[in-house]
């Protein structure tokens, strides 16, 4: 279940993640069976998809533009942006971009 939840999270597939969580609950699996494991290898615990979104956000793209580039809806892009802001403990897109710049996150790309 954990792997399926992790993949659904990376894909931004919230309906799928919800169904995985329901299945885990019906199967009486432990509460943490669908949680994504800590990601020490990624900055601030961001998922690969969140890193992609952050890179585009840092370039100044809107949610709609991010969605077009990543073939996701603008709403899904917005959810990713919200998750990024929460994980980085910042309140604005500018602060998130500043964090990425200060940490040289995308310098090697």
PDB file of N, CA and C in Angstrom:
ATOM      1  N   UNK A   1       0.819  -1.198   0.000  1.00  0.00           N
ATOM      2  CA  UNK A   1       0.000   0.000   0.000  1.00  0.00           C
ATOM      3  C   UNK A   1       0.865   1.265   0.000  1.00  0.00           C
ATOM      4  N   UNK A   2       1.953   1.236   0.733  1.00  0.00           N
ATOM      5  CA  UNK A   2       2.793   2.419   0.822  1.00  0.00           C
ATOM      6  C   UNK A   2       3.332   2.806  -0.542  1.00  0.00           C
ATOM      7  N   UNK A   3       3.761   1.834  -1.332  1.00  0.00           N
ATOM      8  CA  UNK A   3       4.303   2.140  -2.654  1.00  0.00           C
ATOM      9  C   UNK A   3       3.220   2.730  -3.560  1.00  0.00           C
ATOM     10  N   UNK A   4       2.031   2.168  -3.518  1.00  0.00           N
ATOM     11  CA  UNK A   4       0.934   2.691  -4.338  1.00  0.00           C
ATOM     12  C   UNK A   4       0.594   4.123  -3.921  1.00  0.00           C
ATOM     13  N   UNK A   5       0.567   4.385  -2.618  1.00  0.00           N
ATOM     14  CA  UNK A   5       0.277   5.729  -2.127  1.00  0.00           C
ATOM     15  C   UNK A   5       1.373   6.697  -2.546  1.00  0.00           C
ATOM     16  N   UNK A   6       2.607   6.243  -2.507  1.00  0.00           N
ATOM     17  CA  UNK A   6       3.736   7.089  -2.909  1.00  0.00           C
ATOM     18  C   UNK A   6       3.643   7.457  -4.387  1.00  0.00           C
ATOM     19  N   UNK A   7       3.320   6.489  -5.213  1.00  0.00           N
ATOM     20  CA  UNK A   7       3.200   6.741  -6.651  1.00  0.00           C
ATOM     21  C   UNK A   7       2.035   7.695  -6.926  1.00  0.00           C
ATOM     22  N   UNK A   8       0.909   7.461  -6.264  1.00  0.00           N
ATOM     23  CA  UNK A   8      -0.253   8.345  -6.448  1.00  0.00           C
ATOM     24  C   UNK A   8       0.078   9.770  -6.019  1.00  0.00           C
ATOM     25  N   UNK A   9       0.840   9.901  -4.945  1.00  0.00           N
ATOM     26  CA  UNK A   9       1.242  11.234  -4.466  1.00  0.00           C
ATOM     27  C   UNK A   9       2.153  11.903  -5.487  1.00  0.00           C
ATOM     28  N   UNK A  10       3.139  11.159  -5.991  1.00  0.00           N
ATOM     29  CA  UNK A  10       4.069  11.718  -6.979  1.00  0.00           C
ATOM     30  C   UNK A  10       3.353  12.157  -8.246  1.00  0.00           C
ATOM     31  N   UNK A  11       2.314  11.423  -8.617  1.00  0.00           N
ATOM     32  CA  UNK A  11       1.560  11.754  -9.821  1.00  0.00           C
ATOM     33  C   UNK A  11       0.541  12.865  -9.585  1.00  0.00           C
ATOM     34  N   UNK A  12       0.333  13.189  -8.316  1.00  0.00           N
ATOM     35  CA  UNK A  12      -0.679  14.193  -8.009  1.00  0.00           C
ATOM     36  C   UNK A  12      -2.085  13.660  -8.213  1.00  0.00           C
ATOM     37  N   UNK A  13      -2.240  12.344  -8.083  1.00  0.00           N
ATOM     38  CA  UNK A  13      -3.525  11.696  -8.324  1.00  0.00           C
ATOM     39  C   UNK A  13      -4.298  11.564  -7.013  1.00  0.00           C
ATOM     40  N   UNK A  14      -4.872  12.682  -6.560  1.00  0.00           N
ATOM     41  CA  UNK A  14      -5.564  12.695  -5.279  1.00  0.00           C
ATOM     42  C   UNK A  14      -6.742  11.711  -5.228  1.00  0.00           C
ATOM     43  N   UNK A  15      -7.564  11.588  -6.273  1.00  0.00           N
ATOM     44  CA  UNK A  15      -8.657  10.609  -6.200  1.00  0.00           C
ATOM     45  C   UNK A  15      -8.135   9.180  -6.007  1.00  0.00           C
ATOM     46  N   UNK A  16      -7.038   8.848  -6.685  1.00  0.00           N
ATOM     47  CA  UNK A  16      -6.451   7.520  -6.517  1.00  0.00           C
ATOM     48  C   UNK A  16      -5.932   7.346  -5.096  1.00  0.00           C
ATOM     49  N   UNK A  17      -5.280   8.356  -4.564  1.00  0.00           N
ATOM     50  CA  UNK A  17      -4.762   8.290  -3.198  1.00  0.00           C
ATOM     51  C   UNK A  17      -5.897   8.107  -2.200  1.00  0.00           C
ATOM     52  N   UNK A  18      -6.999   8.805  -2.422  1.00  0.00           N
ATOM     53  CA  UNK A  18      -8.167   8.660  -1.549  1.00  0.00           C
ATOM     54  C   UNK A  18      -8.681   7.222  -1.572  1.00  0.00           C
ATOM     55  N   UNK A  19      -8.743   6.631  -2.767  1.00  0.00           N
ATOM     56  CA  UNK A  19      -9.207   5.243  -2.877  1.00  0.00           C
ATOM     57  C   UNK A  19      -8.235   4.274  -2.208  1.00  0.00           C
ATOM     58  N   UNK A  20      -6.952   4.531  -2.331  1.00  0.00           N
ATOM     59  CA  UNK A  20      -5.948   3.681  -1.673  1.00  0.00           C
ATOM     60  C   UNK A  20      -6.140   3.745  -0.156  1.00  0.00           C
ATOM     61  N   UNK A  21      -6.358   4.961   0.362  1.00  0.00           N
ATOM     62  CA  UNK A  21      -6.568   5.121   1.797  1.00  0.00           C
ATOM     63  C   UNK A  21      -7.838   4.407   2.255  1.00  0.00           C
ATOM     64  N   UNK A  22      -8.907   4.491   1.447  1.00  0.00           N
ATOM     65  CA  UNK A  22     -10.154   3.787   1.790  1.00  0.00           C
ATOM     66  C   UNK A  22      -9.936   2.276   1.809  1.00  0.00           C
ATOM     67  N   UNK A  23      -9.210   1.778   0.817  1.00  0.00           N
ATOM     68  CA  UNK A  23      -8.927   0.345   0.764  1.00  0.00           C
ATOM     69  C   UNK A  23      -8.113  -0.093   1.979  1.00  0.00           C
ATOM     70  N   UNK A  24      -7.124   0.697   2.352  1.00  0.00           N
ATOM     71  CA  UNK A  24      -6.301   0.377   3.516  1.00  0.00           C
ATOM     72  C   UNK A  24      -7.157   0.342   4.781  1.00  0.00           C
ATOM     73  N   UNK A  25      -8.089   1.300   4.879  1.00  0.00           N
ATOM     74  CA  UNK A  25      -8.964   1.348   6.053  1.00  0.00           C
ATOM     75  C   UNK A  25      -9.884   0.129   6.095  1.00  0.00           C
ATOM     76  N   UNK A  26     -10.475  -0.212   4.928  1.00  0.00           N
ATOM     77  CA  UNK A  26     -11.351  -1.395   4.863  1.00  0.00           C
ATOM     78  C   UNK A  26     -10.579  -2.671   5.169  1.00  0.00           C
ATOM     79  N   UNK A  27      -9.315  -2.693   4.790  1.00  0.00           N
ATOM     80  CA  UNK A  27      -8.482  -3.876   5.016  1.00  0.00           C
ATOM     81  C   UNK A  27      -7.902  -3.904   6.421  1.00  0.00           C
ATOM     82  N   UNK A  28      -8.207  -2.878   7.192  1.00  0.00           N
ATOM     83  CA  UNK A  28      -7.739  -2.750   8.576  1.00  0.00           C
ATOM     84  C   UNK A  28      -6.217  -2.738   8.678  1.00  0.00           C
ATOM     85  N   UNK A  29      -5.593  -2.094   7.684  1.00  0.00           N
ATOM     86  CA  UNK A  29      -4.147  -1.923   7.737  1.00  0.00           C
ATOM     87  C   UNK A  29      -3.824  -0.809   8.720  1.00  0.00           C
ATOM     88  N   UNK A  30      -2.598  -0.783   9.250  1.00  0.00           N
ATOM     89  CA  UNK A  30      -2.230   0.296  10.167  1.00  0.00           C
ATOM     90  C   UNK A  30      -2.421   1.660   9.511  1.00  0.00           C
ATOM     91  N   UNK A  31      -2.651   2.675  10.339  1.00  0.00           N
ATOM     92  CA  UNK A  31      -2.921   4.023   9.838  1.00  0.00           C
ATOM     93  C   UNK A  31      -1.799   4.551   8.962  1.00  0.00           C
ATOM     94  N   UNK A  32      -0.574   4.145   9.216  1.00  0.00           N
ATOM     95  CA  UNK A  32       0.554   4.655   8.429  1.00  0.00           C
ATOM     96  C   UNK A  32       0.839   3.817   7.193  1.00  0.00           C
ATOM     97  N   UNK A  33      -0.037   2.895   6.852  1.00  0.00           N
ATOM     98  CA  UNK A  33       0.208   2.010   5.715  1.00  0.00           C
ATOM     99  C   UNK A  33       0.178   2.742   4.384  1.00  0.00           C
ATOM    100  N   UNK A  34      -0.492   3.883   4.341  1.00  0.00           N
ATOM    101  CA  UNK A  34      -0.566   4.614   3.074  1.00  0.00           C
ATOM    102  C   UNK A  34       0.244   5.901   3.095  1.00  0.00           C
ATOM    103  N   UNK A  35       0.932   6.162   4.173  1.00  0.00           N
ATOM    104  CA  UNK A  35       1.719   7.380   4.203  1.00  0.00           C
ATOM    105  C   UNK A  35       2.991   7.190   3.409  1.00  0.00           C
ATOM    106  N   UNK A  36       3.428   8.270   2.801  1.00  0.00           N
ATOM    107  CA  UNK A  36       4.654   8.235   2.026  1.00  0.00           C
ATOM    108  C   UNK A  36       5.830   8.257   2.985  1.00  0.00           C
ATOM    109  N   UNK A  37       6.807   7.389   2.801  1.00  0.00           N
ATOM    110  CA  UNK A  37       7.948   7.391   3.701  1.00  0.00           C
ATOM    111  C   UNK A  37       8.731   8.692   3.584  1.00  0.00           C
ATOM    112  N   UNK A  38       9.467   9.013   4.645  1.00  0.00           N
ATOM    113  CA  UNK A  38      10.306  10.212   4.599  1.00  0.00           C
ATOM    114  C   UNK A  38      11.234  10.122   3.405  1.00  0.00           C
ATOM    115  N   UNK A  39      11.518  11.264   2.816  1.00  0.00           N
ATOM    116  CA  UNK A  39      12.369  11.332   1.643  1.00  0.00           C
ATOM    117  C   UNK A  39      13.615  12.146   1.992  1.00  0.00           C
ATOM    118  N   UNK A  40      14.551  11.519   2.693  1.00  0.00           N
ATOM    119  CA  UNK A  40      15.727  12.280   3.098  1.00  0.00           C
ATOM    120  C   UNK A  40      16.591  12.693   1.916  1.00  0.00           C
ATOM    121  N   UNK A  41      16.433  12.012   0.782  1.00  0.00           N
ATOM    122  CA  UNK A  41      17.262  12.317  -0.372  1.00  0.00           C
ATOM    123  C   UNK A  41      16.750  13.511  -1.182  1.00  0.00           C
ATOM    124  N   UNK A  42      15.576  14.022  -0.837  1.00  0.00           N
ATOM    125  CA  UNK A  42      15.055  15.195  -1.537  1.00  0.00           C
ATOM    126  C   UNK A  42      14.984  16.367  -0.570  1.00  0.00           C
ATOM    127  N   UNK A  43      15.249  17.557  -1.045  1.00  0.00           N
ATOM    128  CA  UNK A  43      15.239  18.736  -0.174  1.00  0.00           C
ATOM    129  C   UNK A  43      13.872  18.964   0.459  1.00  0.00           C
ATOM    130  N   UNK A  44      13.870  19.194   1.753  1.00  0.00           N
ATOM    131  CA  UNK A  44      12.657  19.524   2.516  1.00  0.00           C
ATOM    132  C   UNK A  44      11.568  18.468   2.387  1.00  0.00           C
ATOM    133  N   UNK A  45      11.925  17.260   1.983  1.00  0.00           N
ATOM    134  CA  UNK A  45      10.941  16.200   1.846  1.00  0.00           C
ATOM    135  C   UNK A  45      10.012  16.368   0.659  1.00  0.00           C
ATOM    136  N   UNK A  46      10.406  17.194  -0.310  1.00  0.00           N
ATOM    137  CA  UNK A  46       9.576  17.404  -1.496  1.00  0.00           C
ATOM    138  C   UNK A  46       9.582  16.165  -2.378  1.00  0.00           C
ATOM    139  N   UNK A  47       8.445  15.872  -2.977  1.00  0.00           N
ATOM    140  CA  UNK A  47       8.372  14.763  -3.932  1.00  0.00           C
ATOM    141  C   UNK A  47       9.024  15.196  -5.240  1.00  0.00           C
ATOM    142  N   UNK A  48       9.271  14.242  -6.097  1.00  0.00           N
ATOM    143  CA  UNK A  48       9.845  14.569  -7.406  1.00  0.00           C
ATOM    144  C   UNK A  48       8.940  15.519  -8.179  1.00  0.00           C
ATOM    145  N   UNK A  49       7.637  15.299  -8.117  1.00  0.00           N
ATOM    146  CA  UNK A  49       6.697  16.171  -8.814  1.00  0.00           C
ATOM    147  C   UNK A  49       6.723  17.580  -8.219  1.00  0.00           C
ATOM    148  N   UNK A  50       6.798  17.658  -6.887  1.00  0.00           N
ATOM    149  CA  UNK A  50       6.864  18.972  -6.249  1.00  0.00           C
ATOM    150  C   UNK A  50       8.141  19.710  -6.646  1.00  0.00           C
ATOM    151  N   UNK A  51       9.230  18.983  -6.816  1.00  0.00           N
ATOM    152  CA  UNK A  51      10.471  19.610  -7.285  1.00  0.00           C
ATOM    153  C   UNK A  51      10.292  20.161  -8.694  1.00  0.00           C
ATOM    154  N   UNK A  52       9.586  19.409  -9.556  1.00  0.00           N
ATOM    155  CA  UNK A  52       9.319  19.895 -10.913  1.00  0.00           C
ATOM    156  C   UNK A  52       8.479  21.167 -10.869  1.00  0.00           C
ATOM    157  N   UNK A  53       7.456  21.147 -10.018  1.00  0.00           N
ATOM    158  CA  UNK A  53       6.581  22.314  -9.891  1.00  0.00           C
ATOM    159  C   UNK A  53       7.364  23.498  -9.330  1.00  0.00           C
ATOM    160  N   UNK A  54       8.195  23.252  -8.312  1.00  0.00           N
ATOM    161  CA  UNK A  54       8.981  24.331  -7.719  1.00  0.00           C
ATOM    162  C   UNK A  54       9.931  24.956  -8.738  1.00  0.00           C
ATOM    163  N   UNK A  55      10.517  24.129  -9.585  1.00  0.00           N
ATOM    164  CA  UNK A  55      11.421  24.669 -10.605  1.00  0.00           C
ATOM    165  C   UNK A  55      10.671  25.605 -11.550  1.00  0.00           C
ATOM    166  N   UNK A  56       9.471  25.213 -11.951  1.00  0.00           N
ATOM    167  CA  UNK A  56       8.677  26.068 -12.842  1.00  0.00           C
ATOM    168  C   UNK A  56       8.162  27.304 -12.109  1.00  0.00           C
ATOM    169  N   UNK A  57       7.792  27.127 -10.842  1.00  0.00           N
ATOM    170  CA  UNK A  57       7.364  28.252 -10.019  1.00  0.00           C
ATOM    171  C   UNK A  57       8.497  29.260  -9.889  1.00  0.00           C
ATOM    172  N   UNK A  58       9.714  28.763  -9.690  1.00  0.00           N
ATOM    173  CA  UNK A  58      10.893  29.618  -9.567  1.00  0.00           C
ATOM    174  C   UNK A  58      11.143  30.398 -10.858  1.00  0.00           C
ATOM    175  N   UNK A  59      10.753  29.817 -11.987  1.00  0.00           N
ATOM    176  CA  UNK A  59      10.899  30.501 -13.277  1.00  0.00           C
ATOM    177  C   UNK A  59       9.800  31.538 -13.502  1.00  0.00           C
ATOM    178  N   UNK A  60       8.855  31.636 -12.543  1.00  0.00           N
ATOM    179  CA  UNK A  60       7.818  32.661 -12.621  1.00  0.00           C
ATOM    180  C   UNK A  60       6.539  32.230 -13.300  1.00  0.00           C
ATOM    181  N   UNK A  61       6.354  30.931 -13.527  1.00  0.00           N
ATOM    182  CA  UNK A  61       5.149  30.465 -14.205  1.00  0.00           C
ATOM    183  C   UNK A  61       3.946  30.450 -13.267  1.00  0.00           C
ATOM    184  N   UNK A  62       2.772  30.680 -13.835  1.00  0.00           N
ATOM    185  CA  UNK A  62       1.519  30.608 -13.083  1.00  0.00           C
ATOM    186  C   UNK A  62       1.097  29.146 -12.958  1.00  0.00           C
ATOM    187  N   UNK A  63       0.086  28.900 -12.120  1.00  0.00           N
ATOM    188  CA  UNK A  63      -0.419  27.523 -11.978  1.00  0.00           C
ATOM    189  C   UNK A  63      -0.889  26.979 -13.324  1.00  0.00           C
ATOM    190  N   UNK A  64      -1.560  27.820 -14.107  1.00  0.00           N
ATOM    191  CA  UNK A  64      -2.038  27.377 -15.417  1.00  0.00           C
ATOM    192  C   UNK A  64      -0.864  26.990 -16.311  1.00  0.00           C
ATOM    193  N   UNK A  65       0.171  27.820 -16.327  1.00  0.00           N
ATOM    194  CA  UNK A  65       1.347  27.534 -17.155  1.00  0.00           C
ATOM    195  C   UNK A  65       2.084  26.293 -16.666  1.00  0.00           C
ATOM    196  N   UNK A  66       2.180  26.126 -15.346  1.00  0.00           N
ATOM    197  CA  UNK A  66       2.808  24.928 -14.781  1.00  0.00           C
ATOM    198  C   UNK A  66       2.018  23.700 -15.212  1.00  0.00           C
ATOM    199  N   UNK A  67       0.686  23.797 -15.108  1.00  0.00           N
ATOM    200  CA  UNK A  67      -0.171  22.682 -15.510  1.00  0.00           C
ATOM    201  C   UNK A  67       0.023  22.309 -16.968  1.00  0.00           C
ATOM    202  N   UNK A  68       0.117  23.314 -17.835  1.00  0.00           N
ATOM    203  CA  UNK A  68       0.317  23.042 -19.260  1.00  0.00           C
ATOM    204  C   UNK A  68       1.651  22.345 -19.507  1.00  0.00           C
ATOM    205  N   UNK A  69       2.691  22.780 -18.822  1.00  0.00           N
ATOM    206  CA  UNK A  69       4.015  22.183 -19.014  1.00  0.00           C
ATOM    207  C   UNK A  69       4.084  20.748 -18.518  1.00  0.00           C
ATOM    208  N   UNK A  70       3.385  20.472 -17.403  1.00  0.00           N
ATOM    209  CA  UNK A  70       3.466  19.142 -16.783  1.00  0.00           C
ATOM    210  C   UNK A  70       2.277  18.251 -17.131  1.00  0.00           C
ATOM    211  N   UNK A  71       1.392  18.741 -17.993  1.00  0.00           N
ATOM    212  CA  UNK A  71       0.205  17.981 -18.426  1.00  0.00           C
ATOM    213  C   UNK A  71      -0.688  17.604 -17.246  1.00  0.00           C
ATOM    214  N   UNK A  72      -0.891  18.583 -16.355  1.00  0.00           N
ATOM    215  CA  UNK A  72      -1.803  18.434 -15.231  1.00  0.00           C
ATOM    216  C   UNK A  72      -2.711  19.655 -15.230  1.00  0.00           C
ATOM    217  N   UNK A  73      -3.786  19.595 -14.455  1.00  0.00           N
ATOM    218  CA  UNK A  73      -4.696  20.752 -14.408  1.00  0.00           C
ATOM    219  C   UNK A  73      -4.073  21.874 -13.576  1.00  0.00           C
ATOM    220  N   UNK A  74      -4.568  23.072 -13.787  1.00  0.00           N
ATOM    221  CA  UNK A  74      -4.105  24.223 -13.004  1.00  0.00           C
ATOM    222  C   UNK A  74      -4.427  24.008 -11.526  1.00  0.00           C
ATOM    223  N   UNK A  75      -5.546  23.363 -11.253  1.00  0.00           N
ATOM    224  CA  UNK A  75      -5.935  23.085  -9.867  1.00  0.00           C
ATOM    225  C   UNK A  75      -4.939  22.129  -9.210  1.00  0.00           C
ATOM    226  N   UNK A  76      -4.541  21.095  -9.929  1.00  0.00           N
ATOM    227  CA  UNK A  76      -3.555  20.159  -9.398  1.00  0.00           C
ATOM    228  C   UNK A  76      -2.222  20.865  -9.177  1.00  0.00           C
ATOM    229  N   UNK A  77      -1.844  21.719 -10.098  1.00  0.00           N
ATOM    230  CA  UNK A  77      -0.615  22.502  -9.927  1.00  0.00           C
ATOM    231  C   UNK A  77      -0.718  23.347  -8.660  1.00  0.00           C
ATOM    232  N   UNK A  78      -1.881  23.934  -8.431  1.00  0.00           N
ATOM    233  CA  UNK A  78      -2.100  24.738  -7.230  1.00  0.00           C
ATOM    234  C   UNK A  78      -1.978  23.926  -5.951  1.00  0.00           C
ATOM    235  N   UNK A  79      -2.457  22.693  -5.990  1.00  0.00           N
ATOM    236  CA  UNK A  79      -2.322  21.805  -4.831  1.00  0.00           C
ATOM    237  C   UNK A  79      -0.845  21.526  -4.565  1.00  0.00           C
ATOM    238  N   UNK A  80      -0.096  21.269  -5.624  1.00  0.00           N
ATOM    239  CA  UNK A  80       1.343  21.043  -5.461  1.00  0.00           C
ATOM    240  C   UNK A  80       2.022  22.277  -4.875  1.00  0.00           C
ATOM    241  N   UNK A  81       1.644  23.456  -5.377  1.00  0.00           N
ATOM    242  CA  UNK A  81       2.231  24.700  -4.861  1.00  0.00           C
ATOM    243  C   UNK A  81       1.913  24.844  -3.373  1.00  0.00           C
ATOM    244  N   UNK A  82       0.684  24.572  -2.993  1.00  0.00           N
ATOM    245  CA  UNK A  82       0.301  24.654  -1.574  1.00  0.00           C
ATOM    246  C   UNK A  82       1.121  23.695  -0.720  1.00  0.00           C
ATOM    247  N   UNK A  83       1.318  22.478  -1.220  1.00  0.00           N
ATOM    248  CA  UNK A  83       2.118  21.490  -0.485  1.00  0.00           C
ATOM    249  C   UNK A  83       3.568  21.954  -0.357  1.00  0.00           C
ATOM    250  N   UNK A  84       4.089  22.529  -1.419  1.00  0.00           N
ATOM    251  CA  UNK A  84       5.463  23.040  -1.399  1.00  0.00           C
ATOM    252  C   UNK A  84       5.598  24.140  -0.347  1.00  0.00           C
ATOM    253  N   UNK A  85       4.665  25.086  -0.343  1.00  0.00           N
ATOM    254  CA  UNK A  85       4.713  26.181   0.619  1.00  0.00           C
ATOM    255  C   UNK A  85       4.677  25.645   2.049  1.00  0.00           C
ATOM    256  N   UNK A  86       3.828  24.652   2.279  1.00  0.00           N
ATOM    257  CA  UNK A  86       3.729  24.069   3.624  1.00  0.00           C
ATOM    258  C   UNK A  86       5.026  23.372   4.022  1.00  0.00           C
ATOM    259  N   UNK A  87       5.589  22.583   3.127  1.00  0.00           N
ATOM    260  CA  UNK A  87       6.819  21.851   3.444  1.00  0.00           C
ATOM    261  C   UNK A  87       8.007  22.785   3.647  1.00  0.00           C
ATOM    262  N   UNK A  88       8.036  23.875   2.914  1.00  0.00           N
ATOM    263  CA  UNK A  88       9.139  24.824   3.053  1.00  0.00           C
ATOM    264  C   UNK A  88       8.891  25.818   4.192  1.00  0.00           C
ATOM    265  N   UNK A  89       7.683  25.768   4.765  1.00  0.00           N
ATOM    266  CA  UNK A  89       7.271  26.668   5.838  1.00  0.00           C
ATOM    267  C   UNK A  89       7.394  28.133   5.413  1.00  0.00           C
ATOM    268  N   UNK A  90       6.879  28.414   4.211  1.00  0.00           N
ATOM    269  CA  UNK A  90       6.821  29.773   3.690  1.00  0.00           C
ATOM    270  C   UNK A  90       5.374  30.072   3.325  1.00  0.00           C
ATOM    271  N   UNK A  91       5.076  31.339   3.068  1.00  0.00           N
ATOM    272  CA  UNK A  91       3.683  31.699   2.799  1.00  0.00           C
ATOM    273  C   UNK A  91       3.416  32.184   1.381  1.00  0.00           C
ATOM    274  N   UNK A  92       4.468  32.485   0.630  1.00  0.00           N
ATOM    275  CA  UNK A  92       4.240  32.985  -0.725  1.00  0.00           C
ATOM    276  C   UNK A  92       5.105  32.249  -1.738  1.00  0.00           C
ATOM    277  N   UNK A  93       4.689  32.358  -2.983  1.00  0.00           N
ATOM    278  CA  UNK A  93       5.464  31.759  -4.076  1.00  0.00           C
ATOM    279  C   UNK A  93       6.855  32.388  -4.157  1.00  0.00           C
ATOM    280  N   UNK A  94       6.916  33.694  -3.906  1.00  0.00           N
ATOM    281  CA  UNK A  94       8.198  34.398  -3.942  1.00  0.00           C
ATOM    282  C   UNK A  94       9.147  33.852  -2.876  1.00  0.00           C
ATOM    283  N   UNK A  95       8.628  33.595  -1.695  1.00  0.00           N
ATOM    284  CA  UNK A  95       9.470  33.021  -0.631  1.00  0.00           C
ATOM    285  C   UNK A  95       9.964  31.629  -1.024  1.00  0.00           C
ATOM    286  N   UNK A  96       9.116  30.850  -1.668  1.00  0.00           N
ATOM    287  CA  UNK A  96       9.520  29.518  -2.111  1.00  0.00           C
ATOM    288  C   UNK A  96      10.616  29.620  -3.168  1.00  0.00           C
ATOM    289  N   UNK A  97      10.449  30.551  -4.103  1.00  0.00           N
ATOM    290  CA  UNK A  97      11.462  30.745  -5.142  1.00  0.00           C
ATOM    291  C   UNK A  97      12.769  31.229  -4.526  1.00  0.00           C
ATOM    292  N   UNK A  98      12.671  32.104  -3.539  1.00  0.00           N
ATOM    293  CA  UNK A  98      13.858  32.604  -2.850  1.00  0.00           C
ATOM    294  C   UNK A  98      14.579  31.466  -2.145  1.00  0.00           C
ATOM    295  N   UNK A  99      13.811  30.591  -1.497  1.00  0.00           N
ATOM    296  CA  UNK A  99      14.397  29.433  -0.822  1.00  0.00           C
ATOM    297  C   UNK A  99      15.159  28.565  -1.822  1.00  0.00           C
ATOM    298  N   UNK A 100      14.535  28.288  -2.965  1.00  0.00           N
ATOM    299  CA  UNK A 100      15.183  27.456  -3.987  1.00  0.00           C
ATOM    300  C   UNK A 100      16.466  28.120  -4.480  1.00  0.00           C
ATOM    301  N   UNK A 101      16.420  29.426  -4.650  1.00  0.00           N
ATOM    302  CA  UNK A 101      17.606  30.159  -5.112  1.00  0.00           C
ATOM    303  C   UNK A 101      18.717  30.125  -4.057  1.00  0.00           C
ATOM    304  N   UNK A 102      18.360  30.405  -2.796  1.00  0.00           N
ATOM    305  CA  UNK A 102      19.350  30.427  -1.714  1.00  0.00           C
ATOM    306  C   UNK A 102      20.018  29.075  -1.508  1.00  0.00           C
ATOM    307  N   UNK A 103      19.270  28.003  -1.709  1.00  0.00           N
ATOM    308  CA  UNK A 103      19.818  26.662  -1.499  1.00  0.00           C
ATOM    309  C   UNK A 103      20.485  26.114  -2.767  1.00  0.00           C
ATOM    310  N   UNK A 104      20.495  26.925  -3.845  1.00  0.00           N
ATOM    311  CA  UNK A 104      21.103  26.515  -5.117  1.00  0.00           C
ATOM    312  C   UNK A 104      20.501  25.203  -5.624  1.00  0.00           C
ATOM    313  N   UNK A 105      19.204  25.048  -5.391  1.00  0.00           N
ATOM    314  CA  UNK A 105      18.519  23.794  -5.704  1.00  0.00           C
ATOM    315  C   UNK A 105      18.587  23.411  -7.174  1.00  0.00           C
ATOM    316  N   UNK A 106      18.466  24.388  -8.061  1.00  0.00           N
ATOM    317  CA  UNK A 106      18.398  24.077  -9.477  1.00  0.00           C
ATOM    318  C   UNK A 106      19.639  24.527 -10.249  1.00  0.00           C
ATOM    319  N   UNK A 107      20.702  24.851  -9.547  1.00  0.00           N
ATOM    320  CA  UNK A 107      21.919  25.321 -10.200  1.00  0.00           C
ATOM    321  C   UNK A 107      22.561  24.276 -11.108  1.00  0.00           C
ATOM    322  N   UNK A 108      22.453  23.004 -10.767  1.00  0.00           N
ATOM    323  CA  UNK A 108      23.103  21.957 -11.564  1.00  0.00           C
ATOM    324  C   UNK A 108      22.283  21.530 -12.763  1.00  0.00           C
ATOM    325  N   UNK A 109      21.073  21.998 -12.890  1.00  0.00           N
ATOM    326  CA  UNK A 109      20.197  21.565 -13.992  1.00  0.00           C
ATOM    327  C   UNK A 109      20.417  22.365 -15.221  1.00  0.00           C
TER     328      UNK A 109
END
